[in-house]
């Protein structure tokens, strides 16, 4: 019996994720941010044609099983190139990107499972002179983006996936065999990427980087986060360093926040009860109950959040959000 399973990463540029001079073509409307990908992939090719992501790393793999024993295995998938939307005056074009060769490690076979690891990435079809923190300090080659996916396929038909490596920029989301969002890179570090990631400082030069990952948000959090980011008044953007607290237990709650970038640890009475990352809406318990915060939220990495008053949401929405947090990540009282 042949069993085929897959894992897919989508790499995309979130709004307001680019600082400094890199932001100029985006603020001028020449380059464009990407819309958030769906929580479940249903039409990846349609997303590509519309220019909604930069590239997709599709790892498909198969194993042959007979009498409960793995007899053979192999890779069966690869890179799906993205298109770069560019606007010049009234002209809107989608420019193709250039693929790097896929890197596929030899499958690791055990008694009841096979582990596959695939690196894929691409680079823009154009470039310009850029300063660099590494020799030769001025480079003209486009900077590469990539992901490294680890997929384990078991003889019983089950599979698991992990984002084992990724470029510091842009955002990378990992989907399971059913097309459901499984985890996401928690950080987008555009300046680190721009100044260090080129040439031999990529998997094609022998270097990879392990990303900080976070669990996916819920459908309700997606709706509330979009309302926070697109509503009026505009939310206040707050940046935190690793170790800083977004909320402290027992302080009076006065706001809701959506995590835009980074990873936070949730602690109740000093006990770690979970972690949250980009897309998560936090602070609903204090807003719902009109009382103090019942958990600490401390940044594990550099982070950005958007804070707003809770008045734009109904009590039913806040209650559903609080119940979902209790059920899904044990972070009661966020």
C-alpha atoms as a PDB file:
ATOM      1  CA  UNK A   1       0.000   0.000   0.000  1.00  0.00           C
ATOM      2  CA  UNK A   2       1.365   3.421  -0.944  1.00  0.00           C
ATOM      3  CA  UNK A   3       0.733   6.310   1.455  1.00  0.00           C
ATOM      4  CA  UNK A   4       1.285   9.874   0.242  1.00  0.00           C
ATOM      5  CA  UNK A   5       1.241  12.877   2.561  1.00  0.00           C
ATOM      6  CA  UNK A   6       2.202  16.539   2.214  1.00  0.00           C
ATOM      7  CA  UNK A   7       3.078  19.743   4.032  1.00  0.00           C
ATOM      8  CA  UNK A   8       3.079  23.204   2.467  1.00  0.00           C
ATOM      9  CA  UNK A   9       4.579  26.510   3.531  1.00  0.00           C
ATOM     10  CA  UNK A  10       3.400  29.860   2.168  1.00  0.00           C
ATOM     11  CA  UNK A  11       5.714  32.871   2.381  1.00  0.00           C
ATOM     12  CA  UNK A  12       4.068  36.312   2.262  1.00  0.00           C
ATOM     13  CA  UNK A  13       4.692  39.940   3.222  1.00  0.00           C
ATOM     14  CA  UNK A  14       2.345  41.240   5.964  1.00  0.00           C
ATOM     15  CA  UNK A  15       1.276  44.880   6.008  1.00  0.00           C
ATOM     16  CA  UNK A  16       3.625  47.278   7.814  1.00  0.00           C
ATOM     17  CA  UNK A  17       6.278  44.584   8.273  1.00  0.00           C
ATOM     18  CA  UNK A  18       9.020  46.510   6.449  1.00  0.00           C
ATOM     19  CA  UNK A  19      10.938  49.333   8.204  1.00  0.00           C
ATOM     20  CA  UNK A  20      13.227  52.104   7.023  1.00  0.00           C
ATOM     21  CA  UNK A  21      14.238  52.622   3.411  1.00  0.00           C
ATOM     22  CA  UNK A  22      12.963  49.179   2.450  1.00  0.00           C
ATOM     23  CA  UNK A  23       9.453  50.536   3.069  1.00  0.00           C
ATOM     24  CA  UNK A  24       9.677  53.336   0.470  1.00  0.00           C
ATOM     25  CA  UNK A  25       8.466  51.393  -2.615  1.00  0.00           C
ATOM     26  CA  UNK A  26       5.579  49.998  -0.533  1.00  0.00           C
ATOM     27  CA  UNK A  27       4.539  53.414   0.795  1.00  0.00           C
ATOM     28  CA  UNK A  28       4.721  54.813  -2.756  1.00  0.00           C
ATOM     29  CA  UNK A  29       2.432  52.066  -4.041  1.00  0.00           C
ATOM     30  CA  UNK A  30       5.028  50.518  -6.358  1.00  0.00           C
ATOM     31  CA  UNK A  31       5.409  47.310  -4.317  1.00  0.00           C
ATOM     32  CA  UNK A  32       2.542  45.706  -2.441  1.00  0.00           C
ATOM     33  CA  UNK A  33       1.956  43.829   0.777  1.00  0.00           C
ATOM     34  CA  UNK A  34       0.153  40.489   0.630  1.00  0.00           C
ATOM     35  CA  UNK A  35      -3.257  39.678   2.135  1.00  0.00           C
ATOM     36  CA  UNK A  36      -3.171  37.189   5.029  1.00  0.00           C
ATOM     37  CA  UNK A  37      -3.452  33.650   3.639  1.00  0.00           C
ATOM     38  CA  UNK A  38      -6.514  31.598   4.625  1.00  0.00           C
ATOM     39  CA  UNK A  39      -6.507  29.343   7.667  1.00  0.00           C
ATOM     40  CA  UNK A  40      -7.247  26.461   5.269  1.00  0.00           C
ATOM     41  CA  UNK A  41      -5.828  26.259   1.745  1.00  0.00           C
ATOM     42  CA  UNK A  42      -8.431  25.475  -0.914  1.00  0.00           C
ATOM     43  CA  UNK A  43      -7.023  27.121  -4.067  1.00  0.00           C
ATOM     44  CA  UNK A  44      -3.255  27.542  -3.913  1.00  0.00           C
ATOM     45  CA  UNK A  45      -2.897  27.968  -7.680  1.00  0.00           C
ATOM     46  CA  UNK A  46      -5.564  30.705  -7.679  1.00  0.00           C
ATOM     47  CA  UNK A  47      -3.677  32.513  -4.918  1.00  0.00           C
ATOM     48  CA  UNK A  48      -0.516  32.303  -7.011  1.00  0.00           C
ATOM     49  CA  UNK A  49      -2.197  33.737 -10.107  1.00  0.00           C
ATOM     50  CA  UNK A  50      -3.501  36.663  -8.049  1.00  0.00           C
ATOM     51  CA  UNK A  51      -0.025  37.376  -6.632  1.00  0.00           C
ATOM     52  CA  UNK A  52      -1.058  36.714  -3.011  1.00  0.00           C
ATOM     53  CA  UNK A  53       2.186  35.088  -1.831  1.00  0.00           C
ATOM     54  CA  UNK A  54       5.897  35.099  -2.683  1.00  0.00           C
ATOM     55  CA  UNK A  55       6.400  31.351  -2.957  1.00  0.00           C
ATOM     56  CA  UNK A  56       5.095  28.051  -1.654  1.00  0.00           C
ATOM     57  CA  UNK A  57       7.309  25.154  -0.584  1.00  0.00           C
ATOM     58  CA  UNK A  58       5.262  22.016  -1.277  1.00  0.00           C
ATOM     59  CA  UNK A  59       6.724  18.880   0.253  1.00  0.00           C
ATOM     60  CA  UNK A  60       4.946  15.752  -0.955  1.00  0.00           C
ATOM     61  CA  UNK A  61       6.326  12.368  -0.016  1.00  0.00           C
ATOM     62  CA  UNK A  62       5.258   8.740  -0.138  1.00  0.00           C
ATOM     63  CA  UNK A  63       6.005   5.458   1.573  1.00  0.00           C
ATOM     64  CA  UNK A  64       5.216   1.885   0.515  1.00  0.00           C
ATOM     65  CA  UNK A  65       3.982  -0.289   3.370  1.00  0.00           C
ATOM     66  CA  UNK A  66       3.514  -4.070   3.275  1.00  0.00           C
ATOM     67  CA  UNK A  67       2.543  -6.132   6.329  1.00  0.00           C
ATOM     68  CA  UNK A  68       3.233  -3.128   8.525  1.00  0.00           C
ATOM     69  CA  UNK A  69       6.780  -2.734   7.206  1.00  0.00           C
ATOM     70  CA  UNK A  70       8.059   0.228   5.189  1.00  0.00           C
ATOM     71  CA  UNK A  71       9.491  -1.165   1.929  1.00  0.00           C
ATOM     72  CA  UNK A  72      10.238   2.000  -0.049  1.00  0.00           C
ATOM     73  CA  UNK A  73       9.846   5.780   0.055  1.00  0.00           C
ATOM     74  CA  UNK A  74      10.470   8.931  -1.942  1.00  0.00           C
ATOM     75  CA  UNK A  75       9.748  12.618  -2.615  1.00  0.00           C
ATOM     76  CA  UNK A  76       6.929  13.733  -4.922  1.00  0.00           C
ATOM     77  CA  UNK A  77       6.581  17.528  -4.643  1.00  0.00           C
ATOM     78  CA  UNK A  78       8.397  20.819  -4.924  1.00  0.00           C
ATOM     79  CA  UNK A  79       8.358  24.597  -5.230  1.00  0.00           C
ATOM     80  CA  UNK A  80       5.414  26.656  -6.467  1.00  0.00           C
ATOM     81  CA  UNK A  81       6.720  29.995  -7.694  1.00  0.00           C
ATOM     82  CA  UNK A  82       4.980  33.167  -6.628  1.00  0.00           C
ATOM     83  CA  UNK A  83       4.428  36.359  -8.577  1.00  0.00           C
ATOM     84  CA  UNK A  84       5.530  39.826  -7.429  1.00  0.00           C
ATOM     85  CA  UNK A  85       2.857  42.550  -7.887  1.00  0.00           C
ATOM     86  CA  UNK A  86       4.339  45.852  -9.103  1.00  0.00           C
ATOM     87  CA  UNK A  87       2.485  49.074  -9.947  1.00  0.00           C
ATOM     88  CA  UNK A  88       4.011  51.772 -12.158  1.00  0.00           C
ATOM     89  CA  UNK A  89       1.564  54.586 -12.868  1.00  0.00           C
ATOM     90  CA  UNK A  90      -1.568  52.977 -14.273  1.00  0.00           C
ATOM     91  CA  UNK A  91       0.285  49.763 -15.134  1.00  0.00           C
ATOM     92  CA  UNK A  92      -0.173  46.788 -12.812  1.00  0.00           C
ATOM     93  CA  UNK A  93       2.035  43.777 -13.528  1.00  0.00           C
ATOM     94  CA  UNK A  94       2.880  40.473 -11.873  1.00  0.00           C
ATOM     95  CA  UNK A  95       6.594  39.767 -12.239  1.00  0.00           C
ATOM     96  CA  UNK A  96       7.868  36.180 -12.091  1.00  0.00           C
ATOM     97  CA  UNK A  97      10.477  35.169  -9.530  1.00  0.00           C
ATOM     98  CA  UNK A  98      13.453  32.847  -9.892  1.00  0.00           C
ATOM     99  CA  UNK A  99      13.668  29.530  -8.118  1.00  0.00           C
ATOM    100  CA  UNK A 100      16.679  28.175  -6.277  1.00  0.00           C
ATOM    101  CA  UNK A 101      17.345  24.437  -6.655  1.00  0.00           C
ATOM    102  CA  UNK A 102      15.455  22.363  -4.103  1.00  0.00           C
ATOM    103  CA  UNK A 103      17.524  20.733  -1.381  1.00  0.00           C
ATOM    104  CA  UNK A 104      16.207  17.326  -0.361  1.00  0.00           C
ATOM    105  CA  UNK A 105      17.886  15.335   2.357  1.00  0.00           C
ATOM    106  CA  UNK A 106      18.080  11.576   2.158  1.00  0.00           C
ATOM    107  CA  UNK A 107      14.928  10.193   3.840  1.00  0.00           C
ATOM    108  CA  UNK A 108      15.520   8.920   7.372  1.00  0.00           C
ATOM    109  CA  UNK A 109      13.807   5.533   7.699  1.00  0.00           C
ATOM    110  CA  UNK A 110      12.924   3.946  11.041  1.00  0.00           C
ATOM    111  CA  UNK A 111      10.872   0.866  11.826  1.00  0.00           C
ATOM    112  CA  UNK A 112       7.527   2.633  11.506  1.00  0.00           C
ATOM    113  CA  UNK A 113       8.140   6.079   9.952  1.00  0.00           C
ATOM    114  CA  UNK A 114      10.128   8.073   7.412  1.00  0.00           C
ATOM    115  CA  UNK A 115      11.314  11.642   7.919  1.00  0.00           C
ATOM    116  CA  UNK A 116      11.648  13.855   4.850  1.00  0.00           C
ATOM    117  CA  UNK A 117      13.340  17.294   4.860  1.00  0.00           C
ATOM    118  CA  UNK A 118      13.077  19.724   1.939  1.00  0.00           C
ATOM    119  CA  UNK A 119      14.399  23.257   1.494  1.00  0.00           C
ATOM    120  CA  UNK A 120      12.991  25.462  -1.253  1.00  0.00           C
ATOM    121  CA  UNK A 121      13.223  29.154  -1.979  1.00  0.00           C
ATOM    122  CA  UNK A 122      13.342  31.870  -4.588  1.00  0.00           C
ATOM    123  CA  UNK A 123      14.509  35.388  -5.295  1.00  0.00           C
ATOM    124  CA  UNK A 124      13.105  38.341  -7.236  1.00  0.00           C
ATOM    125  CA  UNK A 125      13.808  38.642 -10.929  1.00  0.00           C
ATOM    126  CA  UNK A 126      15.275  42.117 -10.336  1.00  0.00           C
ATOM    127  CA  UNK A 127      17.658  43.731  -7.862  1.00  0.00           C
ATOM    128  CA  UNK A 128      19.420  46.948  -6.896  1.00  0.00           C
ATOM    129  CA  UNK A 129      22.584  47.943  -5.070  1.00  0.00           C
ATOM    130  CA  UNK A 130      22.218  47.403  -1.320  1.00  0.00           C
ATOM    131  CA  UNK A 131      24.516  47.850   1.682  1.00  0.00           C
ATOM    132  CA  UNK A 132      25.357  44.738   3.674  1.00  0.00           C
ATOM    133  CA  UNK A 133      26.691  44.020   7.146  1.00  0.00           C
ATOM    134  CA  UNK A 134      28.840  41.250   5.656  1.00  0.00           C
ATOM    135  CA  UNK A 135      31.563  41.184   3.034  1.00  0.00           C
ATOM    136  CA  UNK A 136      31.554  42.611   0.361  1.00  0.00           C
ATOM    137  CA  UNK A 137      29.356  45.247   2.153  1.00  0.00           C
ATOM    138  CA  UNK A 138      27.688  46.297  -1.126  1.00  0.00           C
ATOM    139  CA  UNK A 139      25.770  43.628  -3.021  1.00  0.00           C
ATOM    140  CA  UNK A 140      23.607  43.610  -6.110  1.00  0.00           C
ATOM    141  CA  UNK A 141      22.195  40.081  -6.023  1.00  0.00           C
ATOM    142  CA  UNK A 142      18.586  39.708  -4.872  1.00  0.00           C
ATOM    143  CA  UNK A 143      18.155  38.389  -1.361  1.00  0.00           C
ATOM    144  CA  UNK A 144      16.831  34.844  -1.110  1.00  0.00           C
ATOM    145  CA  UNK A 145      13.782  33.749   0.865  1.00  0.00           C
ATOM    146  CA  UNK A 146      13.280  30.114   1.817  1.00  0.00           C
ATOM    147  CA  UNK A 147      11.711  27.561   4.120  1.00  0.00           C
ATOM    148  CA  UNK A 148      12.872  24.138   5.267  1.00  0.00           C
ATOM    149  CA  UNK A 149      10.026  21.713   5.964  1.00  0.00           C
ATOM    150  CA  UNK A 150      10.296  18.480   7.928  1.00  0.00           C
ATOM    151  CA  UNK A 151       7.552  15.915   7.205  1.00  0.00           C
ATOM    152  CA  UNK A 152       7.243  12.594   9.046  1.00  0.00           C
ATOM    153  CA  UNK A 153       5.031   9.932   7.448  1.00  0.00           C
ATOM    154  CA  UNK A 154       4.175   6.864   9.518  1.00  0.00           C
ATOM    155  CA  UNK A 155       3.229   3.349   8.509  1.00  0.00           C
ATOM    156  CA  UNK A 156      -0.226   3.775  10.075  1.00  0.00           C
ATOM    157  CA  UNK A 157      -0.956   6.648   7.641  1.00  0.00           C
ATOM    158  CA  UNK A 158      -0.546   9.527  10.084  1.00  0.00           C
ATOM    159  CA  UNK A 159       1.843  12.408   9.469  1.00  0.00           C
ATOM    160  CA  UNK A 160       3.274  15.423  11.265  1.00  0.00           C
ATOM    161  CA  UNK A 161       5.112  18.473   9.987  1.00  0.00           C
ATOM    162  CA  UNK A 162       7.501  21.107  11.329  1.00  0.00           C
ATOM    163  CA  UNK A 163       8.971  24.370  10.071  1.00  0.00           C
ATOM    164  CA  UNK A 164      12.599  23.382  10.597  1.00  0.00           C
ATOM    165  CA  UNK A 165      14.222  26.409   8.937  1.00  0.00           C
ATOM    166  CA  UNK A 166      13.309  29.716   7.297  1.00  0.00           C
ATOM    167  CA  UNK A 167      14.684  33.045   6.164  1.00  0.00           C
ATOM    168  CA  UNK A 168      14.198  35.877   8.701  1.00  0.00           C
ATOM    169  CA  UNK A 169      11.771  37.547   6.279  1.00  0.00           C
ATOM    170  CA  UNK A 170       8.965  37.483   5.159  1.00  0.00           C
ATOM    171  CA  UNK A 171       6.244  35.689   7.152  1.00  0.00           C
ATOM    172  CA  UNK A 172       6.084  31.903   6.705  1.00  0.00           C
ATOM    173  CA  UNK A 173       2.986  29.794   7.416  1.00  0.00           C
ATOM    174  CA  UNK A 174       3.028  25.978   7.483  1.00  0.00           C
ATOM    175  CA  UNK A 175       0.014  23.849   6.510  1.00  0.00           C
ATOM    176  CA  UNK A 176      -0.628  20.163   7.174  1.00  0.00           C
ATOM    177  CA  UNK A 177      -1.673  17.391   4.787  1.00  0.00           C
ATOM    178  CA  UNK A 178      -5.292  18.559   4.928  1.00  0.00           C
ATOM    179  CA  UNK A 179      -4.352  22.138   4.006  1.00  0.00           C
ATOM    180  CA  UNK A 180      -4.978  23.442   7.544  1.00  0.00           C
ATOM    181  CA  UNK A 181      -2.681  26.026   9.116  1.00  0.00           C
ATOM    182  CA  UNK A 182      -0.479  24.152  11.595  1.00  0.00           C
ATOM    183  CA  UNK A 183       2.097  26.717  12.733  1.00  0.00           C
ATOM    184  CA  UNK A 184       3.633  30.014  11.697  1.00  0.00           C
ATOM    185  CA  UNK A 185       6.939  31.818  11.980  1.00  0.00           C
ATOM    186  CA  UNK A 186       6.469  34.296  14.816  1.00  0.00           C
ATOM    187  CA  UNK A 187       8.946  36.956  13.649  1.00  0.00           C
ATOM    188  CA  UNK A 188       9.491  38.997  10.494  1.00  0.00           C
ATOM    189  CA  UNK A 189      12.981  40.506  10.712  1.00  0.00           C
ATOM    190  CA  UNK A 190      13.324  42.511   7.527  1.00  0.00           C
ATOM    191  CA  UNK A 191      16.458  44.428   8.530  1.00  0.00           C
ATOM    192  CA  UNK A 192      18.287  41.261   9.634  1.00  0.00           C
ATOM    193  CA  UNK A 193      17.295  39.589   6.364  1.00  0.00           C
ATOM    194  CA  UNK A 194      18.327  42.580   4.262  1.00  0.00           C
ATOM    195  CA  UNK A 195      21.751  42.939   5.880  1.00  0.00           C
ATOM    196  CA  UNK A 196      22.851  39.309   6.332  1.00  0.00           C
ATOM    197  CA  UNK A 197      21.007  36.849   4.081  1.00  0.00           C
ATOM    198  CA  UNK A 198      22.765  36.383   0.771  1.00  0.00           C
ATOM    199  CA  UNK A 199      25.444  34.267  -0.891  1.00  0.00           C
ATOM    200  CA  UNK A 200      26.768  31.546   1.376  1.00  0.00           C
ATOM    201  CA  UNK A 201      24.556  32.756   4.251  1.00  0.00           C
ATOM    202  CA  UNK A 202      21.649  30.664   2.976  1.00  0.00           C
ATOM    203  CA  UNK A 203      20.942  26.918   2.824  1.00  0.00           C
ATOM    204  CA  UNK A 204      22.552  26.915  -0.644  1.00  0.00           C
ATOM    205  CA  UNK A 205      25.728  28.154   1.013  1.00  0.00           C
ATOM    206  CA  UNK A 206      25.418  25.750   3.930  1.00  0.00           C
ATOM    207  CA  UNK A 207      23.605  27.980   6.464  1.00  0.00           C
ATOM    208  CA  UNK A 208      19.994  27.725   7.613  1.00  0.00           C
ATOM    209  CA  UNK A 209      18.137  29.508  10.417  1.00  0.00           C
ATOM    210  CA  UNK A 210      15.690  27.934  12.862  1.00  0.00           C
ATOM    211  CA  UNK A 211      12.598  30.157  13.189  1.00  0.00           C
ATOM    212  CA  UNK A 212      10.625  30.935  16.319  1.00  0.00           C
ATOM    213  CA  UNK A 213       7.198  29.417  15.658  1.00  0.00           C
ATOM    214  CA  UNK A 214       3.737  30.017  17.090  1.00  0.00           C
ATOM    215  CA  UNK A 215       0.385  28.207  16.897  1.00  0.00           C
ATOM    216  CA  UNK A 216      -2.316  29.464  14.500  1.00  0.00           C
ATOM    217  CA  UNK A 217      -5.107  31.805  15.519  1.00  0.00           C
ATOM    218  CA  UNK A 218      -8.782  30.840  15.470  1.00  0.00           C
ATOM    219  CA  UNK A 219     -11.413  31.962  12.951  1.00  0.00           C
ATOM    220  CA  UNK A 220     -12.864  34.326  15.557  1.00  0.00           C
ATOM    221  CA  UNK A 221      -9.463  35.829  16.272  1.00  0.00           C
ATOM    222  CA  UNK A 222      -8.979  36.396  12.542  1.00  0.00           C
ATOM    223  CA  UNK A 223     -12.274  38.336  12.380  1.00  0.00           C
ATOM    224  CA  UNK A 224     -11.528  40.397  15.494  1.00  0.00           C
ATOM    225  CA  UNK A 225      -7.943  41.117  14.435  1.00  0.00           C
ATOM    226  CA  UNK A 226      -9.110  42.414  11.045  1.00  0.00           C
ATOM    227  CA  UNK A 227     -11.627  44.656  12.781  1.00  0.00           C
ATOM    228  CA  UNK A 228      -8.926  46.021  15.080  1.00  0.00           C
ATOM    229  CA  UNK A 229      -6.521  46.731  12.229  1.00  0.00           C
ATOM    230  CA  UNK A 230      -9.065  48.186   9.804  1.00  0.00           C
ATOM    231  CA  UNK A 231     -11.422  49.962  12.185  1.00  0.00           C
ATOM    232  CA  UNK A 232     -11.586  53.459  13.614  1.00  0.00           C
ATOM    233  CA  UNK A 233      -9.990  54.804  15.671  1.00  0.00           C
ATOM    234  CA  UNK A 234      -6.751  53.292  14.442  1.00  0.00           C
ATOM    235  CA  UNK A 235      -5.052  51.029  16.986  1.00  0.00           C
ATOM    236  CA  UNK A 236      -1.902  52.118  18.773  1.00  0.00           C
ATOM    237  CA  UNK A 237       1.137  50.147  17.612  1.00  0.00           C
ATOM    238  CA  UNK A 238       3.434  49.164  20.448  1.00  0.00           C
ATOM    239  CA  UNK A 239       6.876  47.577  20.170  1.00  0.00           C
ATOM    240  CA  UNK A 240       8.340  45.413  22.926  1.00  0.00           C
ATOM    241  CA  UNK A 241      11.769  43.942  23.525  1.00  0.00           C
ATOM    242  CA  UNK A 242      12.283  40.381  24.689  1.00  0.00           C
ATOM    243  CA  UNK A 243      11.511  40.221  28.422  1.00  0.00           C
ATOM    244  CA  UNK A 244       9.056  43.138  28.474  1.00  0.00           C
ATOM    245  CA  UNK A 245       5.498  42.628  29.700  1.00  0.00           C
ATOM    246  CA  UNK A 246       2.482  43.448  27.576  1.00  0.00           C
ATOM    247  CA  UNK A 247       0.082  42.732  30.480  1.00  0.00           C
ATOM    248  CA  UNK A 248       0.714  42.089  34.155  1.00  0.00           C
ATOM    249  CA  UNK A 249      -1.504  39.948  36.322  1.00  0.00           C
ATOM    250  CA  UNK A 250      -3.664  41.962  38.759  1.00  0.00           C
ATOM    251  CA  UNK A 251      -3.263  45.261  36.886  1.00  0.00           C
ATOM    252  CA  UNK A 252      -6.449  46.930  35.697  1.00  0.00           C
ATOM    253  CA  UNK A 253      -7.293  45.958  32.124  1.00  0.00           C
ATOM    254  CA  UNK A 254      -8.024  48.835  29.767  1.00  0.00           C
ATOM    255  CA  UNK A 255      -7.370  47.457  26.276  1.00  0.00           C
ATOM    256  CA  UNK A 256      -7.431  44.545  23.862  1.00  0.00           C
ATOM    257  CA  UNK A 257      -4.423  43.754  21.688  1.00  0.00           C
ATOM    258  CA  UNK A 258      -3.663  41.713  18.592  1.00  0.00           C
ATOM    259  CA  UNK A 259      -0.167  40.278  18.329  1.00  0.00           C
ATOM    260  CA  UNK A 260       1.385  41.419  15.037  1.00  0.00           C
ATOM    261  CA  UNK A 261       4.860  39.990  15.450  1.00  0.00           C
ATOM    262  CA  UNK A 262       6.732  37.948  18.023  1.00  0.00           C
ATOM    263  CA  UNK A 263       5.971  35.340  20.658  1.00  0.00           C
ATOM    264  CA  UNK A 264       4.612  35.795  24.202  1.00  0.00           C
ATOM    265  CA  UNK A 265       4.597  33.506  27.216  1.00  0.00           C
ATOM    266  CA  UNK A 266       1.399  33.339  29.257  1.00  0.00           C
ATOM    267  CA  UNK A 267       1.756  32.858  33.027  1.00  0.00           C
ATOM    268  CA  UNK A 268      -0.929  32.556  35.698  1.00  0.00           C
ATOM    269  CA  UNK A 269       0.328  33.020  39.278  1.00  0.00           C
ATOM    270  CA  UNK A 270       3.849  32.332  38.053  1.00  0.00           C
ATOM    271  CA  UNK A 271       2.960  29.108  36.196  1.00  0.00           C
ATOM    272  CA  UNK A 272       3.485  28.986  32.443  1.00  0.00           C
ATOM    273  CA  UNK A 273       0.196  27.948  30.799  1.00  0.00           C
ATOM    274  CA  UNK A 274       0.866  28.635  27.136  1.00  0.00           C
ATOM    275  CA  UNK A 275       2.368  30.746  24.376  1.00  0.00           C
ATOM    276  CA  UNK A 276       0.737  33.044  21.837  1.00  0.00           C
ATOM    277  CA  UNK A 277       1.969  34.484  18.559  1.00  0.00           C
ATOM    278  CA  UNK A 278       0.918  36.582  15.560  1.00  0.00           C
ATOM    279  CA  UNK A 279      -2.811  36.847  14.934  1.00  0.00           C
ATOM    280  CA  UNK A 280      -3.784  36.097  18.540  1.00  0.00           C
ATOM    281  CA  UNK A 281      -6.137  38.564  20.248  1.00  0.00           C
ATOM    282  CA  UNK A 282      -5.385  38.985  23.962  1.00  0.00           C
ATOM    283  CA  UNK A 283      -6.814  40.884  26.920  1.00  0.00           C
ATOM    284  CA  UNK A 284     -10.441  39.828  26.499  1.00  0.00           C
ATOM    285  CA  UNK A 285     -10.993  38.483  30.022  1.00  0.00           C
ATOM    286  CA  UNK A 286     -10.357  41.804  31.783  1.00  0.00           C
ATOM    287  CA  UNK A 287     -12.430  43.639  29.159  1.00  0.00           C
ATOM    288  CA  UNK A 288     -15.304  41.172  29.515  1.00  0.00           C
ATOM    289  CA  UNK A 289     -15.363  41.074  33.306  1.00  0.00           C
ATOM    290  CA  UNK A 290     -14.399  44.695  33.953  1.00  0.00           C
ATOM    291  CA  UNK A 291     -11.683  43.638  36.347  1.00  0.00           C
ATOM    292  CA  UNK A 292      -7.918  43.204  36.577  1.00  0.00           C
ATOM    293  CA  UNK A 293      -5.734  41.144  34.291  1.00  0.00           C
ATOM    294  CA  UNK A 294      -5.593  37.527  35.390  1.00  0.00           C
ATOM    295  CA  UNK A 295      -2.361  36.559  33.608  1.00  0.00           C
ATOM    296  CA  UNK A 296       1.075  37.888  32.712  1.00  0.00           C
ATOM    297  CA  UNK A 297       1.997  38.202  29.029  1.00  0.00           C
ATOM    298  CA  UNK A 298       5.756  38.499  28.620  1.00  0.00           C
ATOM    299  CA  UNK A 299       7.541  38.848  25.281  1.00  0.00           C
ATOM    300  CA  UNK A 300       9.880  35.955  24.508  1.00  0.00           C
ATOM    301  CA  UNK A 301      11.205  37.767  21.428  1.00  0.00           C
ATOM    302  CA  UNK A 302      11.067  41.225  19.956  1.00  0.00           C
ATOM    303  CA  UNK A 303       7.384  41.888  19.353  1.00  0.00           C
ATOM    304  CA  UNK A 304       4.791  44.301  17.973  1.00  0.00           C
ATOM    305  CA  UNK A 305       1.160  44.549  19.025  1.00  0.00           C
ATOM    306  CA  UNK A 306      -1.810  46.726  18.089  1.00  0.00           C
ATOM    307  CA  UNK A 307      -3.855  47.908  21.089  1.00  0.00           C
ATOM    308  CA  UNK A 308      -7.425  49.189  21.017  1.00  0.00           C
ATOM    309  CA  UNK A 309     -10.364  49.835  23.320  1.00  0.00           C
ATOM    310  CA  UNK A 310     -12.723  46.851  23.732  1.00  0.00           C
ATOM    311  CA  UNK A 311     -15.889  48.827  22.954  1.00  0.00           C
ATOM    312  CA  UNK A 312     -16.025  47.752  19.299  1.00  0.00           C
ATOM    313  CA  UNK A 313     -16.772  44.121  20.263  1.00  0.00           C
ATOM    314  CA  UNK A 314     -19.876  42.552  21.750  1.00  0.00           C
ATOM    315  CA  UNK A 315     -19.906  40.715  25.061  1.00  0.00           C
ATOM    316  CA  UNK A 316     -20.789  37.543  23.129  1.00  0.00           C
ATOM    317  CA  UNK A 317     -17.665  37.843  20.969  1.00  0.00           C
ATOM    318  CA  UNK A 318     -15.430  38.460  23.975  1.00  0.00           C
ATOM    319  CA  UNK A 319     -17.024  35.550  25.844  1.00  0.00           C
ATOM    320  CA  UNK A 320     -16.524  33.179  22.895  1.00  0.00           C
ATOM    321  CA  UNK A 321     -12.908  34.305  22.582  1.00  0.00           C
ATOM    322  CA  UNK A 322     -12.270  33.712  26.300  1.00  0.00           C
ATOM    323  CA  UNK A 323     -13.850  30.257  26.159  1.00  0.00           C
ATOM    324  CA  UNK A 324     -11.777  29.351  23.114  1.00  0.00           C
ATOM    325  CA  UNK A 325      -8.576  30.337  24.873  1.00  0.00           C
ATOM    326  CA  UNK A 326      -9.406  28.163  27.863  1.00  0.00           C
ATOM    327  CA  UNK A 327     -10.127  25.207  25.608  1.00  0.00           C
ATOM    328  CA  UNK A 328      -7.314  25.522  23.093  1.00  0.00           C
ATOM    329  CA  UNK A 329      -4.195  26.559  24.948  1.00  0.00           C
ATOM    330  CA  UNK A 330      -5.094  26.535  28.672  1.00  0.00           C
ATOM    331  CA  UNK A 331      -4.253  30.238  28.838  1.00  0.00           C
ATOM    332  CA  UNK A 332      -7.243  31.033  31.012  1.00  0.00           C
ATOM    333  CA  UNK A 333      -7.432  34.677  31.925  1.00  0.00           C
ATOM    334  CA  UNK A 334      -5.481  36.226  29.081  1.00  0.00           C
END
